[in-house]
């Protein structure tokens, strides 16, 4: 178990898991959105070498090379209600939850709002 100390470390680890999962299910083009400008900037500008999560950033960059296209984009927390709701929902589960087709009913309205 990895214990983290900062929000940026958690964001970097979440990004790493997302990239690993995208590769596992065979995606070729990936857009990763995050609300931590520090992490997204580190991924885009190669500037996290000495940070506490620099090794994770390097791992993400290495994993991203396997994709045809991999984009890291900063998204305001206010505009990221789906991710916020999913993070809160995840606190209730001990194991990973994956929805490839139909999302949970309580997230549908947020997803539809996010699309428009």
PDB file of N, CA and C in Angstrom:
ATOM      1  N   UNK A   1       0.839  -1.181   0.000  1.00  0.00           N
ATOM      2  CA  UNK A   1       0.000   0.000   0.000  1.00  0.00           C
ATOM      3  C   UNK A   1       0.882   1.242   0.000  1.00  0.00           C
ATOM      4  N   UNK A   2       0.560   2.173  -0.887  1.00  0.00           N
ATOM      5  CA  UNK A   2       1.301   3.424  -0.988  1.00  0.00           C
ATOM      6  C   UNK A   2       0.567   4.487  -0.191  1.00  0.00           C
ATOM      7  N   UNK A   3       1.262   5.101   0.747  1.00  0.00           N
ATOM      8  CA  UNK A   3       0.666   6.195   1.504  1.00  0.00           C
ATOM      9  C   UNK A   3       1.130   7.507   0.902  1.00  0.00           C
ATOM     10  N   UNK A   4       0.171   8.360   0.596  1.00  0.00           N
ATOM     11  CA  UNK A   4       0.527   9.644   0.025  1.00  0.00           C
ATOM     12  C   UNK A   4       0.258  10.746   1.024  1.00  0.00           C
ATOM     13  N   UNK A   5       0.860  11.882   0.765  1.00  0.00           N
ATOM     14  CA  UNK A   5       0.740  12.977   1.709  1.00  0.00           C
ATOM     15  C   UNK A   5       0.070  14.215   1.139  1.00  0.00           C
ATOM     16  N   UNK A   6       0.056  14.361  -0.166  1.00  0.00           N
ATOM     17  CA  UNK A   6      -0.492  15.578  -0.742  1.00  0.00           C
ATOM     18  C   UNK A   6      -1.580  15.261  -1.767  1.00  0.00           C
ATOM     19  N   UNK A   7      -2.380  16.271  -2.048  1.00  0.00           N
ATOM     20  CA  UNK A   7      -3.417  16.144  -3.073  1.00  0.00           C
ATOM     21  C   UNK A   7      -2.765  15.894  -4.430  1.00  0.00           C
ATOM     22  N   UNK A   8      -1.648  16.568  -4.697  1.00  0.00           N
ATOM     23  CA  UNK A   8      -0.953  16.383  -5.972  1.00  0.00           C
ATOM     24  C   UNK A   8      -0.481  14.940  -6.138  1.00  0.00           C
ATOM     25  N   UNK A   9       0.022  14.340  -5.066  1.00  0.00           N
ATOM     26  CA  UNK A   9       0.443  12.935  -5.140  1.00  0.00           C
ATOM     27  C   UNK A   9      -0.749  12.033  -5.452  1.00  0.00           C
ATOM     28  N   UNK A  10      -1.866  12.303  -4.822  1.00  0.00           N
ATOM     29  CA  UNK A  10      -3.077  11.508  -5.079  1.00  0.00           C
ATOM     30  C   UNK A  10      -3.531  11.680  -6.529  1.00  0.00           C
ATOM     31  N   UNK A  11      -3.502  12.896  -7.023  1.00  0.00           N
ATOM     32  CA  UNK A  11      -3.898  13.165  -8.411  1.00  0.00           C
ATOM     33  C   UNK A  11      -2.966  12.441  -9.377  1.00  0.00           C
ATOM     34  N   UNK A  12      -1.677  12.468  -9.103  1.00  0.00           N
ATOM     35  CA  UNK A  12      -0.711  11.776  -9.960  1.00  0.00           C
ATOM     36  C   UNK A  12      -0.954  10.264  -9.942  1.00  0.00           C
ATOM     37  N   UNK A  13      -1.202   9.699  -8.781  1.00  0.00           N
ATOM     38  CA  UNK A  13      -1.473   8.260  -8.692  1.00  0.00           C
ATOM     39  C   UNK A  13      -2.776   7.891  -9.402  1.00  0.00           C
ATOM     40  N   UNK A  14      -3.787   8.740  -9.296  1.00  0.00           N
ATOM     41  CA  UNK A  14      -5.052   8.489  -9.991  1.00  0.00           C
ATOM     42  C   UNK A  14      -4.831   8.524 -11.500  1.00  0.00           C
ATOM     43  N   UNK A  15      -4.034   9.453 -11.961  1.00  0.00           N
ATOM     44  CA  UNK A  15      -3.715   9.552 -13.386  1.00  0.00           C
ATOM     45  C   UNK A  15      -2.971   8.297 -13.847  1.00  0.00           C
ATOM     46  N   UNK A  16      -2.035   7.846 -13.041  1.00  0.00           N
ATOM     47  CA  UNK A  16      -1.276   6.638 -13.364  1.00  0.00           C
ATOM     48  C   UNK A  16      -2.217   5.436 -13.503  1.00  0.00           C
ATOM     49  N   UNK A  17      -3.141   5.288 -12.575  1.00  0.00           N
ATOM     50  CA  UNK A  17      -4.102   4.178 -12.643  1.00  0.00           C
ATOM     51  C   UNK A  17      -4.982   4.287 -13.879  1.00  0.00           C
ATOM     52  N   UNK A  18      -5.391   5.508 -14.220  1.00  0.00           N
ATOM     53  CA  UNK A  18      -6.235   5.711 -15.399  1.00  0.00           C
ATOM     54  C   UNK A  18      -5.486   5.322 -16.673  1.00  0.00           C
ATOM     55  N   UNK A  19      -4.224   5.711 -16.772  1.00  0.00           N
ATOM     56  CA  UNK A  19      -3.407   5.382 -17.943  1.00  0.00           C
ATOM     57  C   UNK A  19      -3.193   3.869 -18.026  1.00  0.00           C
ATOM     58  N   UNK A  20      -2.917   3.241 -16.901  1.00  0.00           N
ATOM     59  CA  UNK A  20      -2.738   1.784 -16.881  1.00  0.00           C
ATOM     60  C   UNK A  20      -4.016   1.076 -17.332  1.00  0.00           C
ATOM     61  N   UNK A  21      -5.153   1.558 -16.851  1.00  0.00           N
ATOM     62  CA  UNK A  21      -6.430   0.958 -17.216  1.00  0.00           C
ATOM     63  C   UNK A  21      -6.725   1.162 -18.697  1.00  0.00           C
ATOM     64  N   UNK A  22      -6.477   2.353 -19.212  1.00  0.00           N
ATOM     65  CA  UNK A  22      -6.704   2.633 -20.633  1.00  0.00           C
ATOM     66  C   UNK A  22      -5.878   1.691 -21.509  1.00  0.00           C
ATOM     67  N   UNK A  23      -4.638   1.458 -21.121  1.00  0.00           N
ATOM     68  CA  UNK A  23      -3.781   0.532 -21.867  1.00  0.00           C
ATOM     69  C   UNK A  23      -4.310  -0.900 -21.751  1.00  0.00           C
ATOM     70  N   UNK A  24      -4.741  -1.257 -20.566  1.00  0.00           N
ATOM     71  CA  UNK A  24      -5.244  -2.613 -20.311  1.00  0.00           C
ATOM     72  C   UNK A  24      -6.461  -2.947 -21.178  1.00  0.00           C
ATOM     73  N   UNK A  25      -7.337  -1.965 -21.394  1.00  0.00           N
ATOM     74  CA  UNK A  25      -8.540  -2.250 -22.190  1.00  0.00           C
ATOM     75  C   UNK A  25      -8.326  -1.952 -23.678  1.00  0.00           C
ATOM     76  N   UNK A  26      -7.110  -1.569 -24.045  1.00  0.00           N
ATOM     77  CA  UNK A  26      -6.761  -1.446 -25.449  1.00  0.00           C
ATOM     78  C   UNK A  26      -7.082  -0.134 -26.128  1.00  0.00           C
ATOM     79  N   UNK A  27      -7.244   0.928 -25.362  1.00  0.00           N
ATOM     80  CA  UNK A  27      -7.493   2.229 -25.987  1.00  0.00           C
ATOM     81  C   UNK A  27      -6.235   2.710 -26.707  1.00  0.00           C
ATOM     82  N   UNK A  28      -6.427   3.444 -27.791  1.00  0.00           N
ATOM     83  CA  UNK A  28      -5.301   3.981 -28.546  1.00  0.00           C
ATOM     84  C   UNK A  28      -5.163   5.492 -28.404  1.00  0.00           C
ATOM     85  N   UNK A  29      -6.297   6.160 -28.148  1.00  0.00           N
ATOM     86  CA  UNK A  29      -6.311   7.620 -27.974  1.00  0.00           C
ATOM     87  C   UNK A  29      -6.929   7.934 -26.623  1.00  0.00           C
ATOM     88  N   UNK A  30      -6.210   8.715 -25.847  1.00  0.00           N
ATOM     89  CA  UNK A  30      -6.637   8.977 -24.474  1.00  0.00           C
ATOM     90  C   UNK A  30      -6.535  10.469 -24.170  1.00  0.00           C
ATOM     91  N   UNK A  31      -7.553  10.982 -23.494  1.00  0.00           N
ATOM     92  CA  UNK A  31      -7.502  12.336 -22.933  1.00  0.00           C
ATOM     93  C   UNK A  31      -7.688  12.180 -21.431  1.00  0.00           C
ATOM     94  N   UNK A  32      -6.709  12.618 -20.685  1.00  0.00           N
ATOM     95  CA  UNK A  32      -6.768  12.548 -19.229  1.00  0.00           C
ATOM     96  C   UNK A  32      -6.983  13.963 -18.714  1.00  0.00           C
ATOM     97  N   UNK A  33      -8.089  14.174 -18.010  1.00  0.00           N
ATOM     98  CA  UNK A  33      -8.365  15.478 -17.415  1.00  0.00           C
ATOM     99  C   UNK A  33      -8.097  15.414 -15.925  1.00  0.00           C
ATOM    100  N   UNK A  34      -7.515  16.471 -15.398  1.00  0.00           N
ATOM    101  CA  UNK A  34      -7.252  16.544 -13.973  1.00  0.00           C
ATOM    102  C   UNK A  34      -7.415  17.964 -13.479  1.00  0.00           C
ATOM    103  N   UNK A  35      -7.780  18.104 -12.209  1.00  0.00           N
ATOM    104  CA  UNK A  35      -7.975  19.453 -11.672  1.00  0.00           C
ATOM    105  C   UNK A  35      -6.761  19.969 -10.901  1.00  0.00           C
ATOM    106  N   UNK A  36      -5.683  19.225 -10.929  1.00  0.00           N
ATOM    107  CA  UNK A  36      -4.444  19.696 -10.307  1.00  0.00           C
ATOM    108  C   UNK A  36      -3.543  20.279 -11.398  1.00  0.00           C
ATOM    109  N   UNK A  37      -3.480  21.608 -11.446  1.00  0.00           N
ATOM    110  CA  UNK A  37      -2.640  22.258 -12.454  1.00  0.00           C
ATOM    111  C   UNK A  37      -1.182  21.838 -12.300  1.00  0.00           C
ATOM    112  N   UNK A  38      -0.724  21.616 -11.065  1.00  0.00           N
ATOM    113  CA  UNK A  38       0.665  21.209 -10.838  1.00  0.00           C
ATOM    114  C   UNK A  38       0.971  19.888 -11.527  1.00  0.00           C
ATOM    115  N   UNK A  39       0.065  18.917 -11.384  1.00  0.00           N
ATOM    116  CA  UNK A  39       0.292  17.597 -11.980  1.00  0.00           C
ATOM    117  C   UNK A  39       0.195  17.665 -13.503  1.00  0.00           C
ATOM    118  N   UNK A  40      -0.838  18.316 -14.009  1.00  0.00           N
ATOM    119  CA  UNK A  40      -1.014  18.403 -15.463  1.00  0.00           C
ATOM    120  C   UNK A  40       0.164  19.158 -16.086  1.00  0.00           C
ATOM    121  N   UNK A  41       0.601  20.245 -15.459  1.00  0.00           N
ATOM    122  CA  UNK A  41       1.764  20.977 -15.964  1.00  0.00           C
ATOM    123  C   UNK A  41       3.019  20.114 -15.938  1.00  0.00           C
ATOM    124  N   UNK A  42       3.191  19.347 -14.878  1.00  0.00           N
ATOM    125  CA  UNK A  42       4.352  18.456 -14.784  1.00  0.00           C
ATOM    126  C   UNK A  42       4.325  17.419 -15.909  1.00  0.00           C
ATOM    127  N   UNK A  43       3.142  16.900 -16.219  1.00  0.00           N
ATOM    128  CA  UNK A  43       3.022  15.918 -17.295  1.00  0.00           C
ATOM    129  C   UNK A  43       3.296  16.543 -18.662  1.00  0.00           C
ATOM    130  N   UNK A  44       2.860  17.765 -18.848  1.00  0.00           N
ATOM    131  CA  UNK A  44       3.012  18.424 -20.144  1.00  0.00           C
ATOM    132  C   UNK A  44       4.358  19.115 -20.339  1.00  0.00           C
ATOM    133  N   UNK A  45       5.039  19.491 -19.241  1.00  0.00           N
ATOM    134  CA  UNK A  45       6.253  20.299 -19.365  1.00  0.00           C
ATOM    135  C   UNK A  45       7.515  19.622 -18.842  1.00  0.00           C
ATOM    136  N   UNK A  46       7.398  18.360 -18.458  1.00  0.00           N
ATOM    137  CA  UNK A  46       8.573  17.637 -17.974  1.00  0.00           C
ATOM    138  C   UNK A  46       9.239  18.375 -16.816  1.00  0.00           C
ATOM    139  N   UNK A  47       8.426  18.717 -15.790  1.00  0.00           N
ATOM    140  CA  UNK A  47       8.972  19.555 -14.719  1.00  0.00           C
ATOM    141  C   UNK A  47       8.763  19.012 -13.307  1.00  0.00           C
ATOM    142  N   UNK A  48       8.562  17.730 -13.154  1.00  0.00           N
ATOM    143  CA  UNK A  48       8.290  17.203 -11.812  1.00  0.00           C
ATOM    144  C   UNK A  48       9.407  16.314 -11.284  1.00  0.00           C
ATOM    145  N   UNK A  49      10.579  16.386 -11.870  1.00  0.00           N
ATOM    146  CA  UNK A  49      11.664  15.489 -11.503  1.00  0.00           C
ATOM    147  C   UNK A  49      12.004  15.440 -10.028  1.00  0.00           C
ATOM    148  N   UNK A  50      11.927  16.572  -9.340  1.00  0.00           N
ATOM    149  CA  UNK A  50      12.326  16.601  -7.934  1.00  0.00           C
ATOM    150  C   UNK A  50      11.144  16.673  -6.975  1.00  0.00           C
ATOM    151  N   UNK A  51       9.939  16.617  -7.508  1.00  0.00           N
ATOM    152  CA  UNK A  51       8.771  16.661  -6.629  1.00  0.00           C
ATOM    153  C   UNK A  51       8.581  15.294  -5.966  1.00  0.00           C
ATOM    154  N   UNK A  52       7.732  15.263  -4.959  1.00  0.00           N
ATOM    155  CA  UNK A  52       7.489  14.017  -4.237  1.00  0.00           C
ATOM    156  C   UNK A  52       6.813  12.967  -5.113  1.00  0.00           C
ATOM    157  N   UNK A  53       6.240  13.380  -6.230  1.00  0.00           N
ATOM    158  CA  UNK A  53       5.556  12.453  -7.130  1.00  0.00           C
ATOM    159  C   UNK A  53       6.242  12.393  -8.498  1.00  0.00           C
ATOM    160  N   UNK A  54       7.473  12.856  -8.576  1.00  0.00           N
ATOM    161  CA  UNK A  54       8.218  12.876  -9.839  1.00  0.00           C
ATOM    162  C   UNK A  54       8.361  11.508 -10.479  1.00  0.00           C
ATOM    163  N   UNK A  55       8.576  10.482  -9.680  1.00  0.00           N
ATOM    164  CA  UNK A  55       8.706   9.124 -10.209  1.00  0.00           C
ATOM    165  C   UNK A  55       7.391   8.677 -10.845  1.00  0.00           C
ATOM    166  N   UNK A  56       6.274   9.043 -10.244  1.00  0.00           N
ATOM    167  CA  UNK A  56       4.956   8.696 -10.796  1.00  0.00           C
ATOM    168  C   UNK A  56       4.748   9.421 -12.123  1.00  0.00           C
ATOM    169  N   UNK A  57       5.137  10.695 -12.195  1.00  0.00           N
ATOM    170  CA  UNK A  57       5.022  11.467 -13.434  1.00  0.00           C
ATOM    171  C   UNK A  57       5.837  10.812 -14.541  1.00  0.00           C
ATOM    172  N   UNK A  58       7.051  10.414 -14.219  1.00  0.00           N
ATOM    173  CA  UNK A  58       7.898   9.745 -15.216  1.00  0.00           C
ATOM    174  C   UNK A  58       7.270   8.432 -15.674  1.00  0.00           C
ATOM    175  N   UNK A  59       6.675   7.689 -14.763  1.00  0.00           N
ATOM    176  CA  UNK A  59       6.012   6.435 -15.114  1.00  0.00           C
ATOM    177  C   UNK A  59       4.826   6.701 -16.040  1.00  0.00           C
ATOM    178  N   UNK A  60       4.048   7.731 -15.730  1.00  0.00           N
ATOM    179  CA  UNK A  60       2.898   8.086 -16.574  1.00  0.00           C
ATOM    180  C   UNK A  60       3.383   8.454 -17.968  1.00  0.00           C
ATOM    181  N   UNK A  61       4.418   9.262 -18.062  1.00  0.00           N
ATOM    182  CA  UNK A  61       4.955   9.651 -19.373  1.00  0.00           C
ATOM    183  C   UNK A  61       5.408   8.434 -20.166  1.00  0.00           C
ATOM    184  N   UNK A  62       6.044   7.502 -19.480  1.00  0.00           N
ATOM    185  CA  UNK A  62       6.507   6.286 -20.140  1.00  0.00           C
ATOM    186  C   UNK A  62       5.321   5.462 -20.649  1.00  0.00           C
ATOM    187  N   UNK A  63       4.296   5.312 -19.819  1.00  0.00           N
ATOM    188  CA  UNK A  63       3.109   4.559 -20.212  1.00  0.00           C
ATOM    189  C   UNK A  63       2.379   5.242 -21.370  1.00  0.00           C
ATOM    190  N   UNK A  64       2.387   6.569 -21.383  1.00  0.00           N
ATOM    191  CA  UNK A  64       1.675   7.332 -22.408  1.00  0.00           C
ATOM    192  C   UNK A  64       2.270   7.123 -23.801  1.00  0.00           C
ATOM    193  N   UNK A  65       3.522   6.743 -23.881  1.00  0.00           N
ATOM    194  CA  UNK A  65       4.168   6.530 -25.174  1.00  0.00           C
ATOM    195  C   UNK A  65       3.548   5.371 -25.951  1.00  0.00           C
ATOM    196  N   UNK A  66       2.864   4.474 -25.261  1.00  0.00           N
ATOM    197  CA  UNK A  66       2.249   3.316 -25.913  1.00  0.00           C
ATOM    198  C   UNK A  66       0.983   3.678 -26.687  1.00  0.00           C
ATOM    199  N   UNK A  67       0.430   4.864 -26.448  1.00  0.00           N
ATOM    200  CA  UNK A  67      -0.810   5.272 -27.102  1.00  0.00           C
ATOM    201  C   UNK A  67      -0.513   6.010 -28.405  1.00  0.00           C
ATOM    202  N   UNK A  68      -1.440   5.900 -29.337  1.00  0.00           N
ATOM    203  CA  UNK A  68      -1.362   6.678 -30.566  1.00  0.00           C
ATOM    204  C   UNK A  68      -1.417   8.171 -30.237  1.00  0.00           C
ATOM    205  N   UNK A  69      -2.263   8.507 -29.270  1.00  0.00           N
ATOM    206  CA  UNK A  69      -2.405   9.887 -28.823  1.00  0.00           C
ATOM    207  C   UNK A  69      -2.745   9.878 -27.338  1.00  0.00           C
ATOM    208  N   UNK A  70      -2.066  10.731 -26.574  1.00  0.00           N
ATOM    209  CA  UNK A  70      -2.351  10.850 -25.148  1.00  0.00           C
ATOM    210  C   UNK A  70      -2.216  12.321 -24.765  1.00  0.00           C
ATOM    211  N   UNK A  71      -3.331  12.908 -24.336  1.00  0.00           N
ATOM    212  CA  UNK A  71      -3.374  14.327 -24.011  1.00  0.00           C
ATOM    213  C   UNK A  71      -3.689  14.480 -22.523  1.00  0.00           C
ATOM    214  N   UNK A  72      -2.963  15.365 -21.859  1.00  0.00           N
ATOM    215  CA  UNK A  72      -3.211  15.690 -20.462  1.00  0.00           C
ATOM    216  C   UNK A  72      -3.758  17.108 -20.418  1.00  0.00           C
ATOM    217  N   UNK A  73      -4.977  17.259 -19.882  1.00  0.00           N
ATOM    218  CA  UNK A  73      -5.647  18.560 -19.892  1.00  0.00           C
ATOM    219  C   UNK A  73      -6.098  18.951 -18.490  1.00  0.00           C
ATOM    220  N   UNK A  74      -5.858  20.211 -18.151  1.00  0.00           N
ATOM    221  CA  UNK A  74      -6.329  20.732 -16.869  1.00  0.00           C
ATOM    222  C   UNK A  74      -7.799  21.111 -16.994  1.00  0.00           C
ATOM    223  N   UNK A  75      -8.576  20.719 -16.004  1.00  0.00           N
ATOM    224  CA  UNK A  75      -9.995  21.047 -15.941  1.00  0.00           C
ATOM    225  C   UNK A  75     -10.284  21.616 -14.568  1.00  0.00           C
ATOM    226  N   UNK A  76     -10.968  22.726 -14.537  1.00  0.00           N
ATOM    227  CA  UNK A  76     -11.326  23.342 -13.263  1.00  0.00           C
ATOM    228  C   UNK A  76     -12.151  22.377 -12.425  1.00  0.00           C
ATOM    229  N   UNK A  77     -11.915  22.359 -11.143  1.00  0.00           N
ATOM    230  CA  UNK A  77     -12.667  21.488 -10.239  1.00  0.00           C
ATOM    231  C   UNK A  77     -14.162  21.766 -10.326  1.00  0.00           C
ATOM    232  N   UNK A  78     -14.536  23.018 -10.519  1.00  0.00           N
ATOM    233  CA  UNK A  78     -15.946  23.397 -10.637  1.00  0.00           C
ATOM    234  C   UNK A  78     -16.583  22.730 -11.848  1.00  0.00           C
ATOM    235  N   UNK A  79     -15.798  22.562 -12.908  1.00  0.00           N
ATOM    236  CA  UNK A  79     -16.309  21.968 -14.148  1.00  0.00           C
ATOM    237  C   UNK A  79     -16.168  20.453 -14.165  1.00  0.00           C
ATOM    238  N   UNK A  80     -15.711  19.878 -13.094  1.00  0.00           N
ATOM    239  CA  UNK A  80     -15.413  18.455 -13.067  1.00  0.00           C
ATOM    240  C   UNK A  80     -16.308  17.730 -12.063  1.00  0.00           C
ATOM    241  N   UNK A  81     -17.612  17.986 -12.132  1.00  0.00           N
ATOM    242  CA  UNK A  81     -18.547  17.431 -11.162  1.00  0.00           C
ATOM    243  C   UNK A  81     -18.641  15.910 -11.230  1.00  0.00           C
ATOM    244  N   UNK A  82     -18.439  15.336 -12.419  1.00  0.00           N
ATOM    245  CA  UNK A  82     -18.504  13.882 -12.564  1.00  0.00           C
ATOM    246  C   UNK A  82     -17.357  13.233 -11.788  1.00  0.00           C
ATOM    247  N   UNK A  83     -16.156  13.739 -11.977  1.00  0.00           N
ATOM    248  CA  UNK A  83     -15.006  13.178 -11.268  1.00  0.00           C
ATOM    249  C   UNK A  83     -15.150  13.346  -9.762  1.00  0.00           C
ATOM    250  N   UNK A  84     -15.671  14.496  -9.337  1.00  0.00           N
ATOM    251  CA  UNK A  84     -15.887  14.730  -7.913  1.00  0.00           C
ATOM    252  C   UNK A  84     -16.887  13.724  -7.345  1.00  0.00           C
ATOM    253  N   UNK A  85     -17.984  13.500  -8.055  1.00  0.00           N
ATOM    254  CA  UNK A  85     -18.999  12.537  -7.601  1.00  0.00           C
ATOM    255  C   UNK A  85     -18.440  11.113  -7.579  1.00  0.00           C
ATOM    256  N   UNK A  86     -17.626  10.778  -8.578  1.00  0.00           N
ATOM    257  CA  UNK A  86     -17.034   9.437  -8.623  1.00  0.00           C
ATOM    258  C   UNK A  86     -16.043   9.238  -7.477  1.00  0.00           C
ATOM    259  N   UNK A  87     -15.275  10.269  -7.165  1.00  0.00           N
ATOM    260  CA  UNK A  87     -14.321  10.174  -6.058  1.00  0.00           C
ATOM    261  C   UNK A  87     -15.047   9.960  -4.733  1.00  0.00           C
ATOM    262  N   UNK A  88     -16.139  10.690  -4.543  1.00  0.00           N
ATOM    263  CA  UNK A  88     -16.926  10.518  -3.321  1.00  0.00           C
ATOM    264  C   UNK A  88     -17.546   9.131  -3.261  1.00  0.00           C
ATOM    265  N   UNK A  89     -18.014   8.637  -4.407  1.00  0.00           N
ATOM    266  CA  UNK A  89     -18.611   7.302  -4.479  1.00  0.00           C
ATOM    267  C   UNK A  89     -17.550   6.230  -4.184  1.00  0.00           C
ATOM    268  N   UNK A  90     -16.328   6.453  -4.661  1.00  0.00           N
ATOM    269  CA  UNK A  90     -15.255   5.479  -4.483  1.00  0.00           C
ATOM    270  C   UNK A  90     -14.893   5.269  -3.015  1.00  0.00           C
ATOM    271  N   UNK A  91     -15.113   6.280  -2.194  1.00  0.00           N
ATOM    272  CA  UNK A  91     -14.809   6.143  -0.771  1.00  0.00           C
ATOM    273  C   UNK A  91     -15.603   5.013  -0.112  1.00  0.00           C
ATOM    274  N   UNK A  92     -16.760   4.677  -0.692  1.00  0.00           N
ATOM    275  CA  UNK A  92     -17.620   3.644  -0.122  1.00  0.00           C
ATOM    276  C   UNK A  92     -17.191   2.231  -0.517  1.00  0.00           C
ATOM    277  N   UNK A  93     -16.273   2.105  -1.476  1.00  0.00           N
ATOM    278  CA  UNK A  93     -15.868   0.788  -1.966  1.00  0.00           C
ATOM    279  C   UNK A  93     -14.432   0.488  -1.584  1.00  0.00           C
ATOM    280  N   UNK A  94     -14.185  -0.751  -1.248  1.00  0.00           N
ATOM    281  CA  UNK A  94     -12.820  -1.179  -0.952  1.00  0.00           C
ATOM    282  C   UNK A  94     -12.126  -1.689  -2.212  1.00  0.00           C
ATOM    283  N   UNK A  95     -12.892  -2.190  -3.161  1.00  0.00           N
ATOM    284  CA  UNK A  95     -12.335  -2.722  -4.400  1.00  0.00           C
ATOM    285  C   UNK A  95     -12.627  -1.776  -5.553  1.00  0.00           C
ATOM    286  N   UNK A  96     -11.873  -1.927  -6.634  1.00  0.00           N
ATOM    287  CA  UNK A  96     -12.072  -1.085  -7.816  1.00  0.00           C
ATOM    288  C   UNK A  96     -13.442  -1.341  -8.426  1.00  0.00           C
ATOM    289  N   UNK A  97     -14.049  -0.290  -8.907  1.00  0.00           N
ATOM    290  CA  UNK A  97     -15.329  -0.365  -9.614  1.00  0.00           C
ATOM    291  C   UNK A  97     -15.101   0.155 -11.024  1.00  0.00           C
ATOM    292  N   UNK A  98     -15.546  -0.606 -12.029  1.00  0.00           N
ATOM    293  CA  UNK A  98     -15.374  -0.214 -13.421  1.00  0.00           C
ATOM    294  C   UNK A  98     -16.714  -0.290 -14.119  1.00  0.00           C
ATOM    295  N   UNK A  99     -17.055   0.772 -14.852  1.00  0.00           N
ATOM    296  CA  UNK A  99     -18.298   0.791 -15.633  1.00  0.00           C
ATOM    297  C   UNK A  99     -17.920   1.078 -17.072  1.00  0.00           C
ATOM    298  N   UNK A 100     -18.004   0.082 -17.940  1.00  0.00           N
ATOM    299  CA  UNK A 100     -17.642   0.278 -19.339  1.00  0.00           C
ATOM    300  C   UNK A 100     -18.835   0.660 -20.199  1.00  0.00           C
ATOM    301  N   UNK A 101     -20.029   0.250 -19.820  1.00  0.00           N
ATOM    302  CA  UNK A 101     -21.205   0.526 -20.644  1.00  0.00           C
ATOM    303  C   UNK A 101     -22.176   1.473 -19.953  1.00  0.00           C
ATOM    304  N   UNK A 102     -22.827   1.013 -18.928  1.00  0.00           N
ATOM    305  CA  UNK A 102     -23.842   1.812 -18.251  1.00  0.00           C
ATOM    306  C   UNK A 102     -23.317   2.302 -16.908  1.00  0.00           C
ATOM    307  N   UNK A 103     -23.265   3.617 -16.730  1.00  0.00           N
ATOM    308  CA  UNK A 103     -22.806   4.152 -15.441  1.00  0.00           C
ATOM    309  C   UNK A 103     -23.886   3.971 -14.381  1.00  0.00           C
ATOM    310  N   UNK A 104     -23.514   4.104 -13.124  1.00  0.00           N
ATOM    311  CA  UNK A 104     -24.507   4.032 -12.054  1.00  0.00           C
ATOM    312  C   UNK A 104     -25.566   5.117 -12.243  1.00  0.00           C
ATOM    313  N   UNK A 105     -26.789   4.804 -11.867  1.00  0.00           N
ATOM    314  CA  UNK A 105     -27.908   5.731 -12.057  1.00  0.00           C
ATOM    315  C   UNK A 105     -27.656   7.107 -11.452  1.00  0.00           C
ATOM    316  N   UNK A 106     -26.992   7.161 -10.300  1.00  0.00           N
ATOM    317  CA  UNK A 106     -26.777   8.451  -9.647  1.00  0.00           C
ATOM    318  C   UNK A 106     -25.745   9.338 -10.361  1.00  0.00           C
ATOM    319  N   UNK A 107     -25.035   8.790 -11.348  1.00  0.00           N
ATOM    320  CA  UNK A 107     -24.072   9.593 -12.105  1.00  0.00           C
ATOM    321  C   UNK A 107     -24.588  10.013 -13.476  1.00  0.00           C
ATOM    322  N   UNK A 108     -25.681   9.405 -13.934  1.00  0.00           N
ATOM    323  CA  UNK A 108     -26.182   9.662 -15.281  1.00  0.00           C
ATOM    324  C   UNK A 108     -26.490  11.143 -15.511  1.00  0.00           C
ATOM    325  N   UNK A 109     -27.202  11.769 -14.576  1.00  0.00           N
ATOM    326  CA  UNK A 109     -27.561  13.181 -14.780  1.00  0.00           C
ATOM    327  C   UNK A 109     -26.320  14.068 -14.831  1.00  0.00           C
ATOM    328  N   UNK A 110     -25.311  13.772 -14.011  1.00  0.00           N
ATOM    329  CA  UNK A 110     -24.068  14.546 -14.057  1.00  0.00           C
ATOM    330  C   UNK A 110     -23.327  14.345 -15.371  1.00  0.00           C
ATOM    331  N   UNK A 111     -23.318  13.126 -15.868  1.00  0.00           N
ATOM    332  CA  UNK A 111     -22.675  12.851 -17.154  1.00  0.00           C
ATOM    333  C   UNK A 111     -23.372  13.588 -18.282  1.00  0.00           C
ATOM    334  N   UNK A 112     -24.681  13.570 -18.283  1.00  0.00           N
ATOM    335  CA  UNK A 112     -25.426  14.256 -19.333  1.00  0.00           C
ATOM    336  C   UNK A 112     -25.194  15.760 -19.267  1.00  0.00           C
ATOM    337  N   UNK A 113     -25.118  16.308 -18.075  1.00  0.00           N
ATOM    338  CA  UNK A 113     -24.848  17.731 -17.900  1.00  0.00           C
ATOM    339  C   UNK A 113     -23.432  18.073 -18.390  1.00  0.00           C
ATOM    340  N   UNK A 114     -22.479  17.182 -18.102  1.00  0.00           N
ATOM    341  CA  UNK A 114     -21.087  17.396 -18.463  1.00  0.00           C
ATOM    342  C   UNK A 114     -20.884  17.390 -19.975  1.00  0.00           C
ATOM    343  N   UNK A 115     -21.693  16.617 -20.697  1.00  0.00           N
ATOM    344  CA  UNK A 115     -21.575  16.510 -22.144  1.00  0.00           C
ATOM    345  C   UNK A 115     -22.010  17.792 -22.822  1.00  0.00           C
ATOM    346  N   UNK A 116     -22.958  18.485 -22.235  1.00  0.00           N
ATOM    347  CA  UNK A 116     -23.497  19.686 -22.883  1.00  0.00           C
ATOM    348  C   UNK A 116     -22.808  20.924 -22.470  1.00  0.00           C
TER     349      UNK A 116
END
